[in-house]
Amino acid sequence: MASSPAVDVSCRRREKRRQLDARRSKCRIRLGGHMEQWCLLKERLGFSLHSQLAKFLLDRFLTLPGRPV
């Protein structure tokens, strides 16, 4: 017996979401109990996106004199 089109669409959506979640989790950074501190810094520096703060901090680190390689 063939499944209905609605069931097929639902299964495809579920699989697509699972794939997207798996891809997203590969680049997720865990802040643990430091989320509040991170958000305060993001707000203080005027960034609207977490990725903007991350880029800023990486750039700052890479320009430090005598930074570890």
N, C-alpha and C. Protein backbone atom coordinates (compact mmCIF):
# COMPACT_ATOMS: atom_id res chain seq x y z
N MET A 1 0.85 -1.19 0.00
CA MET A 1 0.00 0.00 0.00
C MET A 1 0.88 1.23 0.00
N ALA A 2 0.65 2.16 -0.88
CA ALA A 2 1.45 3.38 -1.00
C ALA A 2 1.03 4.37 0.09
N SER A 3 1.99 5.13 0.57
CA SER A 3 1.67 6.13 1.60
C SER A 3 1.08 7.37 0.94
N SER A 4 0.35 8.13 1.72
CA SER A 4 -0.29 9.33 1.18
C SER A 4 0.75 10.41 0.93
N PRO A 5 0.45 11.34 0.03
CA PRO A 5 1.38 12.44 -0.26
C PRO A 5 1.69 13.28 0.99
N ALA A 6 0.71 13.45 1.87
CA ALA A 6 0.93 14.23 3.09
C ALA A 6 1.96 13.57 3.98
N VAL A 7 1.93 12.24 4.07
CA VAL A 7 2.89 11.51 4.89
C VAL A 7 4.28 11.62 4.29
N ASP A 8 4.38 11.51 2.96
CA ASP A 8 5.67 11.65 2.27
C ASP A 8 6.28 13.03 2.51
N VAL A 9 5.46 14.07 2.42
CA VAL A 9 5.94 15.44 2.64
C VAL A 9 6.42 15.59 4.08
N SER A 10 5.67 15.05 5.01
CA SER A 10 6.03 15.14 6.42
C SER A 10 7.36 14.42 6.69
N CYS A 11 7.54 13.26 6.10
CA CYS A 11 8.79 12.51 6.28
C CYS A 11 9.97 13.26 5.66
N ARG A 12 9.76 13.85 4.50
CA ARG A 12 10.83 14.61 3.85
C ARG A 12 11.21 15.84 4.68
N ARG A 13 10.20 16.52 5.21
CA ARG A 13 10.47 17.69 6.06
C ARG A 13 11.25 17.30 7.31
N ARG A 14 10.84 16.19 7.92
CA ARG A 14 11.52 15.72 9.12
C ARG A 14 12.97 15.37 8.83
N GLU A 15 13.22 14.71 7.73
CA GLU A 15 14.58 14.33 7.34
C GLU A 15 15.41 15.57 7.02
N LYS A 16 14.82 16.53 6.32
CA LYS A 16 15.52 17.76 5.98
C LYS A 16 15.90 18.51 7.26
N ARG A 17 14.99 18.59 8.20
CA ARG A 17 15.26 19.26 9.48
C ARG A 17 16.37 18.54 10.24
N ARG A 18 16.36 17.23 10.24
CA ARG A 18 17.40 16.46 10.91
C ARG A 18 18.76 16.75 10.30
N GLN A 19 18.81 16.82 8.98
CA GLN A 19 20.08 17.11 8.29
C GLN A 19 20.56 18.52 8.61
N LEU A 20 19.66 19.49 8.61
CA LEU A 20 20.04 20.86 8.93
C LEU A 20 20.52 20.98 10.37
N ASP A 21 19.84 20.32 11.29
CA ASP A 21 20.26 20.33 12.70
C ASP A 21 21.64 19.71 12.87
N ALA A 22 21.91 18.63 12.17
CA ALA A 22 23.21 17.97 12.25
C ALA A 22 24.30 18.89 11.71
N ARG A 23 24.02 19.57 10.62
CA ARG A 23 25.01 20.49 10.04
C ARG A 23 25.26 21.68 10.97
N ARG A 24 24.18 22.21 11.55
CA ARG A 24 24.31 23.34 12.47
C ARG A 24 25.10 22.96 13.71
N SER A 25 24.90 21.77 14.22
CA SER A 25 25.57 21.37 15.46
C SER A 25 27.07 21.21 15.27
N LYS A 26 27.53 21.04 14.04
CA LYS A 26 28.97 20.92 13.79
C LYS A 26 29.69 22.24 14.03
N CYS A 27 29.01 23.36 13.89
CA CYS A 27 29.67 24.65 14.07
C CYS A 27 29.18 25.37 15.32
N ARG A 28 28.46 24.67 16.17
CA ARG A 28 27.95 25.27 17.39
C ARG A 28 29.06 25.37 18.43
N ILE A 29 29.10 26.47 19.13
CA ILE A 29 30.09 26.69 20.19
C ILE A 29 29.37 26.66 21.52
N ARG A 30 29.88 25.86 22.43
CA ARG A 30 29.26 25.73 23.75
C ARG A 30 29.88 26.75 24.70
N LEU A 31 29.06 27.61 25.29
CA LEU A 31 29.54 28.61 26.21
C LEU A 31 29.35 28.20 27.68
N GLY A 32 28.65 27.11 27.88
CA GLY A 32 28.43 26.65 29.25
C GLY A 32 27.71 27.72 30.06
N GLY A 33 28.26 27.99 31.25
CA GLY A 33 27.64 28.97 32.15
C GLY A 33 28.02 30.40 31.84
N HIS A 34 28.63 30.65 30.69
CA HIS A 34 29.11 31.98 30.35
C HIS A 34 28.21 32.71 29.37
N MET A 35 27.04 32.20 29.11
CA MET A 35 26.13 32.80 28.13
C MET A 35 25.73 34.21 28.53
N GLU A 36 25.46 34.43 29.81
CA GLU A 36 25.05 35.76 30.26
C GLU A 36 26.18 36.77 30.02
N GLN A 37 27.40 36.38 30.35
CA GLN A 37 28.56 37.25 30.14
C GLN A 37 28.74 37.54 28.64
N TRP A 38 28.59 36.52 27.81
CA TRP A 38 28.71 36.67 26.35
C TRP A 38 27.67 37.68 25.84
N CYS A 39 26.43 37.52 26.28
CA CYS A 39 25.36 38.40 25.82
C CYS A 39 25.57 39.84 26.29
N LEU A 40 26.07 40.02 27.50
CA LEU A 40 26.36 41.36 27.99
C LEU A 40 27.46 42.02 27.15
N LEU A 41 28.49 41.26 26.82
CA LEU A 41 29.57 41.79 25.99
C LEU A 41 29.05 42.14 24.59
N LYS A 42 28.23 41.26 24.04
CA LYS A 42 27.64 41.49 22.71
C LYS A 42 26.84 42.79 22.71
N GLU A 43 26.05 42.99 23.75
CA GLU A 43 25.24 44.20 23.87
C GLU A 43 26.12 45.43 24.09
N ARG A 44 27.11 45.32 24.97
CA ARG A 44 27.99 46.45 25.28
C ARG A 44 28.75 46.93 24.03
N LEU A 45 29.17 45.98 23.19
CA LEU A 45 29.91 46.34 21.99
C LEU A 45 29.01 46.71 20.82
N GLY A 46 27.69 46.54 20.99
CA GLY A 46 26.73 46.98 19.99
C GLY A 46 26.50 46.01 18.84
N PHE A 47 26.81 44.74 19.05
CA PHE A 47 26.58 43.76 18.00
C PHE A 47 25.17 43.21 18.12
N SER A 48 24.53 42.97 16.98
CA SER A 48 23.19 42.39 17.01
C SER A 48 23.23 40.87 16.84
N LEU A 49 24.32 40.36 16.27
CA LEU A 49 24.43 38.91 16.02
C LEU A 49 25.60 38.32 16.81
N HIS A 50 25.42 37.10 17.28
CA HIS A 50 26.49 36.39 17.98
C HIS A 50 27.70 36.19 17.06
N SER A 51 27.42 35.96 15.79
CA SER A 51 28.51 35.74 14.84
C SER A 51 29.36 37.00 14.67
N GLN A 52 28.75 38.17 14.81
CA GLN A 52 29.52 39.41 14.72
C GLN A 52 30.50 39.53 15.89
N LEU A 53 30.04 39.20 17.08
CA LEU A 53 30.92 39.24 18.25
C LEU A 53 32.03 38.22 18.11
N ALA A 54 31.72 37.03 17.67
CA ALA A 54 32.73 35.98 17.50
C ALA A 54 33.80 36.44 16.51
N LYS A 55 33.39 37.01 15.38
CA LYS A 55 34.33 37.50 14.37
C LYS A 55 35.22 38.60 14.94
N PHE A 56 34.62 39.53 15.67
CA PHE A 56 35.36 40.62 16.29
C PHE A 56 36.42 40.07 17.25
N LEU A 57 36.04 39.13 18.09
CA LEU A 57 36.98 38.57 19.06
C LEU A 57 38.10 37.79 18.38
N LEU A 58 37.77 37.04 17.34
CA LEU A 58 38.80 36.32 16.60
C LEU A 58 39.77 37.29 15.93
N ASP A 59 39.25 38.32 15.32
CA ASP A 59 40.11 39.32 14.68
C ASP A 59 41.02 40.00 15.70
N ARG A 60 40.46 40.35 16.86
CA ARG A 60 41.27 40.97 17.91
C ARG A 60 42.38 40.04 18.36
N PHE A 61 42.07 38.78 18.55
CA PHE A 61 43.07 37.81 19.00
C PHE A 61 44.18 37.67 17.96
N LEU A 62 43.81 37.62 16.71
CA LEU A 62 44.80 37.41 15.64
C LEU A 62 45.72 38.61 15.44
N THR A 63 45.33 39.79 15.95
CA THR A 63 46.17 40.97 15.81
C THR A 63 46.98 41.28 17.07
N LEU A 64 46.85 40.46 18.11
CA LEU A 64 47.61 40.69 19.33
C LEU A 64 49.10 40.46 19.09
N PRO A 65 49.94 41.38 19.56
CA PRO A 65 51.39 41.14 19.42
C PRO A 65 51.81 40.02 20.37
N GLY A 66 52.68 39.16 19.90
CA GLY A 66 53.20 38.07 20.73
C GLY A 66 52.19 36.99 21.05
N ARG A 67 51.13 36.92 20.27
CA ARG A 67 50.11 35.88 20.52
C ARG A 67 50.69 34.50 20.21
N PRO A 68 50.22 33.49 20.89
CA PRO A 68 50.68 32.13 20.60
C PRO A 68 50.27 31.70 19.19
N VAL A 69 51.08 30.91 18.56
CA VAL A 69 50.81 30.49 17.18
C VAL A 69 49.92 29.30 17.16
